Amino acid sequence: CGGMRNGWNSLQACIPGGSSVPVLNRDQCDEALMEFDDLRSKGSGLGTAAVTMFDDSVDMVGAIRRLSHFYKHESCGQCTPCREGTSWLEDVLIRMEKGDADKREIPMLEEISRQIEGQTICALGDAAAWPVQGLLRHFKKNIEDRIDNPDSFDAEAAFQKSWSGDPFANDEWVKEHGDGLAYSKA
């Protein structure tokens, strides 16, 4: 596939084991081995080994918010921690993505994820919690900056920058599929 877009130096983060494991930051990726014990020592995991790389054009808050939406949608609703927790995770992350959150919600988001982790019948609850925990561990400053300067983030520009355009030109994709965000700019 040609490797990392714009080369290794543009790497911002990596999810080494599918969407259900915590994200690694750039520094960790420089030294990471795709091996169970090494990834575990870095606070992540091998999971399905479906590697996702994020270059510096990706909004990590938005990326993890989209994963949270997926897990909320996939929750069967049987377990209260997963049913309620995944909704809370997504709702708080939407506010954080837009810059409408309060900094007091950052530790609350961590607490919600900890209340889901290990408290459900199946592993979907853990899978929903771990990407959020990785975001908070490695990109907390991004969240704080967004809350402090909500007008500094343009969701439409971020989408256009990150979308390669294949098989549609950017404007054709947006017309056909929308901007991929759970909210629209007012």
N, C-alpha and C. Protein backbone atom coordinates (compact mmCIF):
# COMPACT_ATOMS: atom_id res chain seq x y z
N CYS A 1 0.82 -1.20 0.00
CA CYS A 1 0.00 0.00 0.00
C CYS A 1 0.86 1.26 0.00
N GLY A 2 2.16 1.14 0.07
CA GLY A 2 3.01 2.32 -0.01
C GLY A 2 3.45 2.87 1.32
N GLY A 3 3.01 2.30 2.41
CA GLY A 3 3.45 2.77 3.72
C GLY A 3 2.66 3.95 4.23
N MET A 4 3.22 4.61 5.22
CA MET A 4 2.57 5.73 5.91
C MET A 4 2.46 6.94 4.98
N ARG A 5 1.26 7.52 4.90
CA ARG A 5 1.09 8.73 4.10
C ARG A 5 2.03 9.81 4.62
N ASN A 6 2.78 10.43 3.76
CA ASN A 6 3.77 11.46 4.08
C ASN A 6 4.94 10.93 4.91
N GLY A 7 5.12 9.62 4.95
CA GLY A 7 6.27 9.03 5.62
C GLY A 7 6.11 8.88 7.12
N TRP A 8 7.05 8.15 7.71
CA TRP A 8 7.02 7.83 9.13
C TRP A 8 7.02 9.07 10.01
N ASN A 9 7.66 10.14 9.57
CA ASN A 9 7.73 11.35 10.39
C ASN A 9 6.38 12.02 10.59
N SER A 10 5.39 11.67 9.77
CA SER A 10 4.05 12.24 9.96
C SER A 10 3.19 11.40 10.90
N LEU A 11 3.73 10.29 11.41
CA LEU A 11 2.97 9.42 12.32
C LEU A 11 2.62 10.16 13.61
N GLN A 12 1.34 10.09 13.97
CA GLN A 12 0.87 10.67 15.22
C GLN A 12 0.57 9.59 16.25
N ALA A 13 -0.04 8.49 15.78
CA ALA A 13 -0.47 7.43 16.70
C ALA A 13 -0.74 6.15 15.92
N CYS A 14 -0.92 5.09 16.68
CA CYS A 14 -1.20 3.78 16.10
C CYS A 14 -2.10 3.00 17.06
N ILE A 15 -3.07 2.31 16.50
CA ILE A 15 -3.82 1.32 17.27
C ILE A 15 -3.32 -0.03 16.75
N PRO A 16 -2.54 -0.75 17.57
CA PRO A 16 -1.86 -1.94 17.07
C PRO A 16 -2.70 -3.21 16.97
N GLY A 17 -3.85 -3.26 17.61
CA GLY A 17 -4.57 -4.52 17.67
C GLY A 17 -6.04 -4.43 17.36
N GLY A 18 -6.42 -3.68 16.37
CA GLY A 18 -7.84 -3.49 16.10
C GLY A 18 -8.38 -2.38 16.99
N SER A 19 -9.61 -1.99 16.74
CA SER A 19 -10.16 -0.81 17.41
C SER A 19 -10.37 -0.99 18.91
N SER A 20 -10.23 -2.20 19.41
CA SER A 20 -10.57 -2.45 20.81
C SER A 20 -9.38 -2.38 21.76
N VAL A 21 -8.24 -1.86 21.33
CA VAL A 21 -7.10 -1.74 22.23
C VAL A 21 -6.68 -0.28 22.32
N PRO A 22 -6.03 0.11 23.41
CA PRO A 22 -5.61 1.51 23.55
C PRO A 22 -4.60 1.94 22.49
N VAL A 23 -4.74 3.19 22.10
CA VAL A 23 -3.86 3.81 21.11
C VAL A 23 -2.46 4.00 21.70
N LEU A 24 -1.45 3.91 20.85
CA LEU A 24 -0.07 4.22 21.22
C LEU A 24 0.30 5.56 20.60
N ASN A 25 1.09 6.35 21.30
CA ASN A 25 1.54 7.62 20.72
C ASN A 25 2.77 7.39 19.86
N ARG A 26 3.22 8.44 19.20
CA ARG A 26 4.35 8.36 18.27
C ARG A 26 5.60 7.79 18.94
N ASP A 27 5.94 8.29 20.12
CA ASP A 27 7.16 7.82 20.79
C ASP A 27 7.11 6.32 21.06
N GLN A 28 5.96 5.83 21.48
CA GLN A 28 5.83 4.39 21.74
C GLN A 28 5.94 3.58 20.45
N CYS A 29 5.41 4.13 19.36
CA CYS A 29 5.47 3.43 18.08
C CYS A 29 6.89 3.28 17.57
N ASP A 30 7.74 4.25 17.89
CA ASP A 30 9.14 4.17 17.45
C ASP A 30 9.83 2.93 17.98
N GLU A 31 9.43 2.47 19.15
CA GLU A 31 10.10 1.34 19.81
C GLU A 31 9.25 0.08 19.90
N ALA A 32 7.98 0.15 19.50
CA ALA A 32 7.05 -0.97 19.72
C ALA A 32 7.37 -2.18 18.84
N LEU A 33 7.24 -3.33 19.44
CA LEU A 33 7.30 -4.60 18.71
C LEU A 33 5.87 -5.12 18.63
N MET A 34 5.49 -5.66 17.49
CA MET A 34 4.15 -6.25 17.36
C MET A 34 4.17 -7.62 18.01
N GLU A 35 4.20 -7.58 19.32
CA GLU A 35 4.36 -8.79 20.12
C GLU A 35 3.59 -8.58 21.42
N PHE A 36 2.93 -9.61 21.90
CA PHE A 36 2.02 -9.52 23.03
C PHE A 36 2.63 -8.81 24.24
N ASP A 37 3.77 -9.30 24.73
CA ASP A 37 4.35 -8.75 25.96
C ASP A 37 4.80 -7.31 25.79
N ASP A 38 5.38 -6.97 24.65
CA ASP A 38 5.85 -5.61 24.44
C ASP A 38 4.68 -4.63 24.38
N LEU A 39 3.64 -4.97 23.64
CA LEU A 39 2.48 -4.09 23.56
C LEU A 39 1.79 -3.97 24.92
N ARG A 40 1.74 -5.06 25.66
CA ARG A 40 1.15 -5.02 27.00
C ARG A 40 1.94 -4.09 27.91
N SER A 41 3.28 -4.13 27.80
CA SER A 41 4.12 -3.25 28.63
C SER A 41 3.92 -1.78 28.27
N LYS A 42 3.41 -1.51 27.09
CA LYS A 42 3.16 -0.14 26.65
C LYS A 42 1.71 0.29 26.91
N GLY A 43 0.94 -0.58 27.57
CA GLY A 43 -0.44 -0.24 27.91
C GLY A 43 -1.42 -0.45 26.78
N SER A 44 -1.07 -1.29 25.82
CA SER A 44 -1.97 -1.58 24.72
C SER A 44 -2.05 -3.10 24.56
N GLY A 45 -2.32 -3.57 23.37
CA GLY A 45 -2.42 -5.00 23.18
C GLY A 45 -2.36 -5.38 21.72
N LEU A 46 -2.21 -6.66 21.48
CA LEU A 46 -2.13 -7.18 20.13
C LEU A 46 -3.52 -7.38 19.53
N GLY A 47 -4.50 -7.70 20.38
CA GLY A 47 -5.88 -7.86 19.91
C GLY A 47 -5.96 -8.68 18.65
N THR A 48 -6.60 -8.14 17.62
CA THR A 48 -6.73 -8.82 16.34
C THR A 48 -5.55 -8.55 15.42
N ALA A 49 -4.62 -7.72 15.87
CA ALA A 49 -3.44 -7.31 15.09
C ALA A 49 -3.82 -6.56 13.82
N ALA A 50 -5.00 -5.97 13.80
CA ALA A 50 -5.42 -5.11 12.69
C ALA A 50 -4.88 -3.71 12.99
N VAL A 51 -3.74 -3.39 12.42
CA VAL A 51 -3.03 -2.15 12.73
C VAL A 51 -3.70 -0.97 12.03
N THR A 52 -3.95 0.10 12.79
CA THR A 52 -4.46 1.35 12.25
C THR A 52 -3.45 2.44 12.57
N MET A 53 -2.97 3.10 11.52
CA MET A 53 -1.99 4.17 11.69
C MET A 53 -2.68 5.51 11.48
N PHE A 54 -2.32 6.51 12.28
CA PHE A 54 -2.89 7.84 12.18
C PHE A 54 -1.76 8.83 11.90
N ASP A 55 -1.86 9.53 10.77
CA ASP A 55 -0.85 10.54 10.52
C ASP A 55 -1.25 11.84 11.21
N ASP A 56 -0.42 12.85 11.07
CA ASP A 56 -0.65 14.08 11.82
C ASP A 56 -1.82 14.92 11.31
N SER A 57 -2.49 14.47 10.24
CA SER A 57 -3.68 15.18 9.78
C SER A 57 -4.94 14.72 10.51
N VAL A 58 -4.86 13.63 11.27
CA VAL A 58 -6.03 13.04 11.92
C VAL A 58 -6.31 13.72 13.26
N ASP A 59 -7.56 14.04 13.48
CA ASP A 59 -8.02 14.54 14.77
C ASP A 59 -8.26 13.33 15.67
N MET A 60 -7.38 13.13 16.64
CA MET A 60 -7.48 11.93 17.49
C MET A 60 -8.74 11.93 18.34
N VAL A 61 -9.21 13.10 18.76
CA VAL A 61 -10.45 13.15 19.54
C VAL A 61 -11.60 12.65 18.67
N GLY A 62 -11.66 13.13 17.43
CA GLY A 62 -12.70 12.69 16.51
C GLY A 62 -12.60 11.22 16.15
N ALA A 63 -11.38 10.74 15.98
CA ALA A 63 -11.18 9.33 15.63
C ALA A 63 -11.70 8.41 16.73
N ILE A 64 -11.37 8.73 17.97
CA ILE A 64 -11.83 7.89 19.09
C ILE A 64 -13.32 8.09 19.32
N ARG A 65 -13.83 9.27 19.05
CA ARG A 65 -15.27 9.50 19.14
C ARG A 65 -16.01 8.59 18.15
N ARG A 66 -15.46 8.45 16.94
CA ARG A 66 -16.10 7.58 15.96
C ARG A 66 -16.06 6.11 16.41
N LEU A 67 -14.96 5.70 17.04
CA LEU A 67 -14.91 4.34 17.59
C LEU A 67 -15.96 4.18 18.68
N SER A 68 -16.12 5.20 19.51
CA SER A 68 -17.13 5.14 20.58
C SER A 68 -18.53 5.00 20.00
N HIS A 69 -18.78 5.69 18.90
CA HIS A 69 -20.08 5.56 18.24
C HIS A 69 -20.30 4.12 17.78
N PHE A 70 -19.27 3.52 17.20
CA PHE A 70 -19.36 2.13 16.75
C PHE A 70 -19.72 1.21 17.91
N TYR A 71 -19.02 1.34 19.04
CA TYR A 71 -19.29 0.44 20.17
C TYR A 71 -20.65 0.71 20.79
N LYS A 72 -21.09 1.94 20.82
CA LYS A 72 -22.44 2.24 21.31
C LYS A 72 -23.47 1.55 20.41
N HIS A 73 -23.27 1.64 19.11
CA HIS A 73 -24.19 1.03 18.15
C HIS A 73 -24.20 -0.49 18.28
N GLU A 74 -23.04 -1.08 18.54
CA GLU A 74 -22.92 -2.54 18.59
C GLU A 74 -23.33 -3.14 19.93
N SER A 75 -23.47 -2.33 20.96
CA SER A 75 -23.87 -2.85 22.26
C SER A 75 -25.27 -3.47 22.16
N CYS A 76 -25.41 -4.68 22.68
CA CYS A 76 -26.72 -5.34 22.63
C CYS A 76 -27.69 -4.73 23.65
N GLY A 77 -27.15 -4.04 24.64
CA GLY A 77 -27.99 -3.40 25.63
C GLY A 77 -28.29 -4.25 26.85
N GLN A 78 -27.80 -5.48 26.89
CA GLN A 78 -28.12 -6.36 28.02
C GLN A 78 -27.47 -5.88 29.32
N CYS A 79 -26.21 -5.47 29.25
CA CYS A 79 -25.49 -5.06 30.46
C CYS A 79 -25.62 -3.55 30.65
N THR A 80 -26.05 -3.16 31.82
CA THR A 80 -26.20 -1.73 32.10
C THR A 80 -24.91 -0.95 31.93
N PRO A 81 -23.76 -1.43 32.44
CA PRO A 81 -22.54 -0.64 32.26
C PRO A 81 -22.21 -0.36 30.79
N CYS A 82 -22.43 -1.34 29.93
CA CYS A 82 -22.14 -1.16 28.51
C CYS A 82 -23.22 -0.31 27.84
N ARG A 83 -24.47 -0.62 28.09
CA ARG A 83 -25.58 0.10 27.47
C ARG A 83 -25.52 1.59 27.81
N GLU A 84 -25.41 1.89 29.09
CA GLU A 84 -25.38 3.29 29.53
C GLU A 84 -24.01 3.92 29.33
N GLY A 85 -22.96 3.14 29.61
CA GLY A 85 -21.61 3.68 29.53
C GLY A 85 -21.19 4.07 28.13
N THR A 86 -21.53 3.24 27.13
CA THR A 86 -21.14 3.59 25.77
C THR A 86 -21.86 4.84 25.30
N SER A 87 -23.09 5.04 25.74
CA SER A 87 -23.80 6.28 25.40
C SER A 87 -23.12 7.48 26.03
N TRP A 88 -22.75 7.34 27.30
CA TRP A 88 -22.05 8.43 27.99
C TRP A 88 -20.71 8.73 27.33
N LEU A 89 -19.95 7.69 27.00
CA LEU A 89 -18.64 7.91 26.36
C LEU A 89 -18.81 8.72 25.08
N GLU A 90 -19.75 8.29 24.24
CA GLU A 90 -19.93 9.02 22.98
C GLU A 90 -20.42 10.45 23.21
N ASP A 91 -21.38 10.63 24.11
CA ASP A 91 -21.91 11.97 24.36
C ASP A 91 -20.82 12.93 24.84
N VAL A 92 -19.99 12.48 25.76
CA VAL A 92 -18.91 13.34 26.27
C VAL A 92 -17.88 13.60 25.18
N LEU A 93 -17.53 12.58 24.41
CA LEU A 93 -16.55 12.76 23.34
C LEU A 93 -17.06 13.70 22.25
N ILE A 94 -18.35 13.68 21.96
CA ILE A 94 -18.92 14.63 21.00
C ILE A 94 -18.71 16.05 21.51
N ARG A 95 -19.00 16.27 22.79
CA ARG A 95 -18.79 17.62 23.35
C ARG A 95 -17.31 18.00 23.30
N MET A 96 -16.44 17.05 23.60
CA MET A 96 -15.00 17.33 23.57
C MET A 96 -14.54 17.63 22.14
N GLU A 97 -15.05 16.87 21.19
CA GLU A 97 -14.67 17.08 19.79
C GLU A 97 -15.08 18.48 19.33
N LYS A 98 -16.25 18.92 19.74
CA LYS A 98 -16.74 20.24 19.36
C LYS A 98 -16.13 21.35 20.19
N GLY A 99 -15.48 21.01 21.31
CA GLY A 99 -14.94 22.03 22.20
C GLY A 99 -15.97 22.55 23.18
N ASP A 100 -17.11 21.87 23.29
CA ASP A 100 -18.19 22.30 24.18
C ASP A 100 -18.12 21.66 25.56
N ALA A 101 -17.12 20.87 25.82
CA ALA A 101 -17.01 20.18 27.11
C ALA A 101 -16.37 21.09 28.15
N ASP A 102 -16.46 20.67 29.38
CA ASP A 102 -15.80 21.32 30.50
C ASP A 102 -14.61 20.44 30.88
N LYS A 103 -13.52 21.03 31.31
CA LYS A 103 -12.34 20.24 31.68
C LYS A 103 -12.64 19.23 32.78
N ARG A 104 -13.66 19.49 33.60
CA ARG A 104 -14.03 18.53 34.64
C ARG A 104 -14.57 17.23 34.06
N GLU A 105 -14.94 17.26 32.77
CA GLU A 105 -15.44 16.05 32.12
C GLU A 105 -14.32 15.09 31.73
N ILE A 106 -13.08 15.57 31.72
CA ILE A 106 -11.96 14.69 31.36
C ILE A 106 -11.81 13.56 32.39
N PRO A 107 -11.69 13.87 33.69
CA PRO A 107 -11.62 12.76 34.65
C PRO A 107 -12.93 11.97 34.73
N MET A 108 -14.05 12.62 34.44
CA MET A 108 -15.33 11.91 34.42
C MET A 108 -15.32 10.86 33.29
N LEU A 109 -14.77 11.23 32.13
CA LEU A 109 -14.69 10.29 31.02
C LEU A 109 -13.83 9.08 31.40
N GLU A 110 -12.73 9.34 32.07
CA GLU A 110 -11.87 8.25 32.55
C GLU A 110 -12.65 7.35 33.51
N GLU A 111 -13.38 7.95 34.43
CA GLU A 111 -14.15 7.17 35.41
C GLU A 111 -15.23 6.34 34.73
N ILE A 112 -15.92 6.91 33.75
CA ILE A 112 -16.94 6.16 33.02
C ILE A 112 -16.31 4.93 32.37
N SER A 113 -15.16 5.14 31.72
CA SER A 113 -14.51 4.01 31.05
C SER A 113 -14.11 2.92 32.05
N ARG A 114 -13.68 3.33 33.24
CA ARG A 114 -13.29 2.35 34.28
C ARG A 114 -14.51 1.62 34.84
N GLN A 115 -15.67 2.28 34.85
CA GLN A 115 -16.89 1.64 35.33
C GLN A 115 -17.44 0.62 34.33
N ILE A 116 -17.05 0.76 33.06
CA ILE A 116 -17.46 -0.20 32.03
C ILE A 116 -16.51 -1.40 32.02
N GLU A 117 -15.22 -1.10 32.06
CA GLU A 117 -14.17 -2.11 31.94
C GLU A 117 -14.33 -3.21 32.99
N GLY A 118 -14.41 -4.45 32.51
CA GLY A 118 -14.49 -5.60 33.41
C GLY A 118 -15.83 -5.80 34.09
N GLN A 119 -16.83 -5.04 33.70
CA GLN A 119 -18.14 -5.11 34.38
C GLN A 119 -19.25 -5.65 33.49
N THR A 120 -18.89 -6.22 32.34
CA THR A 120 -19.90 -6.66 31.39
C THR A 120 -19.79 -8.16 31.12
N ILE A 121 -20.85 -8.72 30.57
CA ILE A 121 -20.89 -10.15 30.29
C ILE A 121 -19.88 -10.52 29.21
N CYS A 122 -19.81 -9.71 28.17
CA CYS A 122 -18.88 -10.00 27.08
C CYS A 122 -17.78 -8.94 27.04
N ALA A 123 -16.90 -9.06 26.08
CA ALA A 123 -15.73 -8.17 25.99
C ALA A 123 -16.03 -6.85 25.28
N LEU A 124 -17.25 -6.63 24.81
CA LEU A 124 -17.54 -5.39 24.11
C LEU A 124 -17.36 -4.18 25.03
N GLY A 125 -17.70 -4.31 26.28
CA GLY A 125 -17.52 -3.20 27.22
C GLY A 125 -16.06 -2.81 27.35
N ASP A 126 -15.18 -3.79 27.50
CA ASP A 126 -13.74 -3.51 27.55
C ASP A 126 -13.29 -2.86 26.25
N ALA A 127 -13.77 -3.39 25.14
CA ALA A 127 -13.39 -2.87 23.83
C ALA A 127 -13.81 -1.41 23.67
N ALA A 128 -14.93 -1.04 24.25
CA ALA A 128 -15.39 0.35 24.18
C ALA A 128 -14.57 1.26 25.09
N ALA A 129 -14.15 0.74 26.22
CA ALA A 129 -13.44 1.56 27.22
C ALA A 129 -11.98 1.81 26.86
N TRP A 130 -11.31 0.83 26.33
CA TRP A 130 -9.85 0.92 26.15
C TRP A 130 -9.40 2.00 25.16
N PRO A 131 -10.06 2.19 24.01
CA PRO A 131 -9.61 3.29 23.14
C PRO A 131 -9.73 4.66 23.82
N VAL A 132 -10.77 4.84 24.60
CA VAL A 132 -10.96 6.10 25.33
C VAL A 132 -9.85 6.28 26.36
N GLN A 133 -9.51 5.21 27.07
CA GLN A 133 -8.42 5.29 28.05
C GLN A 133 -7.10 5.65 27.38
N GLY A 134 -6.84 5.08 26.20
CA GLY A 134 -5.62 5.42 25.46
C GLY A 134 -5.61 6.87 25.01
N LEU A 135 -6.77 7.37 24.57
CA LEU A 135 -6.88 8.78 24.18
C LEU A 135 -6.54 9.67 25.36
N LEU A 136 -7.11 9.38 26.51
CA LEU A 136 -6.86 10.20 27.69
C LEU A 136 -5.41 10.10 28.16
N ARG A 137 -4.82 8.94 28.02
CA ARG A 137 -3.44 8.74 28.45
C ARG A 137 -2.46 9.53 27.58
N HIS A 138 -2.70 9.54 26.27
CA HIS A 138 -1.72 10.10 25.34
C HIS A 138 -2.11 11.41 24.68
N PHE A 139 -3.39 11.75 24.68
CA PHE A 139 -3.83 12.94 23.96
C PHE A 139 -4.70 13.86 24.82
N LYS A 140 -4.51 13.78 26.12
CA LYS A 140 -5.28 14.63 27.04
C LYS A 140 -5.06 16.11 26.72
N LYS A 141 -3.84 16.48 26.37
CA LYS A 141 -3.54 17.88 26.05
C LYS A 141 -4.34 18.34 24.83
N ASN A 142 -4.53 17.46 23.85
CA ASN A 142 -5.35 17.81 22.69
C ASN A 142 -6.77 18.16 23.12
N ILE A 143 -7.31 17.38 24.05
CA ILE A 143 -8.66 17.63 24.55
C ILE A 143 -8.70 18.96 25.29
N GLU A 144 -7.74 19.18 26.17
CA GLU A 144 -7.70 20.43 26.93
C GLU A 144 -7.57 21.63 26.00
N ASP A 145 -6.71 21.52 24.98
CA ASP A 145 -6.56 22.62 24.02
C ASP A 145 -7.86 22.89 23.27
N ARG A 146 -8.58 21.84 22.91
CA ARG A 146 -9.85 22.00 22.19
C ARG A 146 -10.87 22.70 23.07
N ILE A 147 -10.91 22.33 24.35
CA ILE A 147 -11.85 22.95 25.28
C ILE A 147 -11.48 24.42 25.50
N ASP A 148 -10.18 24.70 25.62
CA ASP A 148 -9.72 26.08 25.82
C ASP A 148 -9.93 26.96 24.60
N ASN A 149 -9.84 26.37 23.40
CA ASN A 149 -9.94 27.12 22.14
C ASN A 149 -10.88 26.42 21.17
N PRO A 150 -12.18 26.40 21.46
CA PRO A 150 -13.11 25.63 20.62
C PRO A 150 -13.16 26.12 19.17
N ASP A 151 -12.91 27.39 18.94
CA ASP A 151 -12.97 27.92 17.58
C ASP A 151 -11.74 27.57 16.75
N SER A 152 -10.72 26.99 17.41
CA SER A 152 -9.49 26.65 16.68
C SER A 152 -9.65 25.38 15.86
N PHE A 153 -10.73 24.64 16.05
CA PHE A 153 -10.92 23.39 15.33
C PHE A 153 -12.04 23.53 14.32
N ASP A 154 -11.76 23.24 13.08
CA ASP A 154 -12.74 23.27 12.00
C ASP A 154 -12.96 21.83 11.54
N ALA A 155 -14.08 21.26 11.93
CA ALA A 155 -14.36 19.84 11.64
C ALA A 155 -14.38 19.58 10.14
N GLU A 156 -14.97 20.48 9.37
CA GLU A 156 -15.04 20.27 7.92
C GLU A 156 -13.64 20.28 7.30
N ALA A 157 -12.80 21.21 7.72
CA ALA A 157 -11.43 21.27 7.20
C ALA A 157 -10.64 20.01 7.58
N ALA A 158 -10.84 19.53 8.80
CA ALA A 158 -10.14 18.32 9.24
C ALA A 158 -10.56 17.12 8.40
N PHE A 159 -11.86 17.03 8.12
CA PHE A 159 -12.35 15.93 7.28
C PHE A 159 -11.75 16.02 5.88
N GLN A 160 -11.78 17.20 5.29
CA GLN A 160 -11.25 17.37 3.93
C GLN A 160 -9.75 17.05 3.89
N LYS A 161 -9.02 17.43 4.91
CA LYS A 161 -7.58 17.19 4.96
C LYS A 161 -7.27 15.70 5.07
N SER A 162 -8.08 14.98 5.83
CA SER A 162 -7.78 13.57 6.08
C SER A 162 -8.34 12.64 5.00
N TRP A 163 -9.31 13.10 4.24
CA TRP A 163 -9.91 12.24 3.23
C TRP A 163 -9.08 12.30 1.95
N SER A 164 -8.67 11.18 1.44
CA SER A 164 -7.79 11.13 0.26
C SER A 164 -8.53 11.47 -1.03
N GLY A 165 -9.84 11.32 -1.04
CA GLY A 165 -10.61 11.65 -2.23
C GLY A 165 -10.93 10.46 -3.12
N ASP A 166 -10.31 9.32 -2.93
CA ASP A 166 -10.59 8.16 -3.76
C ASP A 166 -11.78 7.40 -3.19
N PRO A 167 -12.75 6.97 -3.92
CA PRO A 167 -12.87 7.09 -5.36
C PRO A 167 -13.59 8.36 -5.80
N PHE A 168 -13.97 9.22 -4.87
CA PHE A 168 -14.67 10.46 -5.19
C PHE A 168 -13.75 11.64 -4.95
N ALA A 169 -14.01 12.74 -5.64
CA ALA A 169 -13.39 14.00 -5.23
C ALA A 169 -14.02 14.37 -3.89
N ASN A 170 -13.33 15.14 -3.08
CA ASN A 170 -13.82 15.45 -1.73
C ASN A 170 -15.25 15.96 -1.72
N ASP A 171 -15.58 16.92 -2.61
CA ASP A 171 -16.93 17.48 -2.58
C ASP A 171 -17.97 16.45 -3.02
N GLU A 172 -17.61 15.53 -3.93
CA GLU A 172 -18.54 14.48 -4.33
C GLU A 172 -18.82 13.53 -3.17
N TRP A 173 -17.78 13.18 -2.40
CA TRP A 173 -17.96 12.29 -1.25
C TRP A 173 -18.90 12.93 -0.22
N VAL A 174 -18.67 14.18 0.10
CA VAL A 174 -19.49 14.86 1.10
C VAL A 174 -20.94 14.95 0.62
N LYS A 175 -21.16 15.26 -0.65
CA LYS A 175 -22.52 15.33 -1.18
C LYS A 175 -23.22 13.98 -1.08
N GLU A 176 -22.48 12.91 -1.36
CA GLU A 176 -23.09 11.58 -1.36
C GLU A 176 -23.23 10.99 0.03
N HIS A 177 -22.25 11.22 0.92
CA HIS A 177 -22.21 10.52 2.20
C HIS A 177 -22.30 11.41 3.43
N GLY A 178 -22.25 12.69 3.28
CA GLY A 178 -22.20 13.58 4.44
C GLY A 178 -20.78 13.72 4.93
N ASP A 179 -20.60 14.51 5.96
CA ASP A 179 -19.23 14.81 6.41
C ASP A 179 -18.70 13.81 7.42
N GLY A 180 -19.47 12.79 7.77
CA GLY A 180 -18.98 11.75 8.68
C GLY A 180 -19.02 12.14 10.14
N LEU A 181 -19.56 13.30 10.45
CA LEU A 181 -19.61 13.75 11.84
C LEU A 181 -21.00 13.53 12.42
N ALA A 182 -21.06 13.38 13.72
CA ALA A 182 -22.34 13.14 14.40
C ALA A 182 -23.10 14.43 14.62
N TYR A 183 -22.55 15.54 14.20
CA TYR A 183 -23.19 16.83 14.40
C TYR A 183 -22.85 17.69 13.20
N SER A 184 -23.59 18.74 13.01
CA SER A 184 -23.26 19.68 11.95
C SER A 184 -22.90 21.02 12.57
N LYS A 185 -22.05 21.74 11.87
CA LYS A 185 -21.64 23.05 12.36
C LYS A 185 -22.81 24.02 12.31
N ALA A 186 -22.99 24.79 13.35
CA ALA A 186 -24.09 25.76 13.37
C ALA A 186 -23.68 27.01 12.63
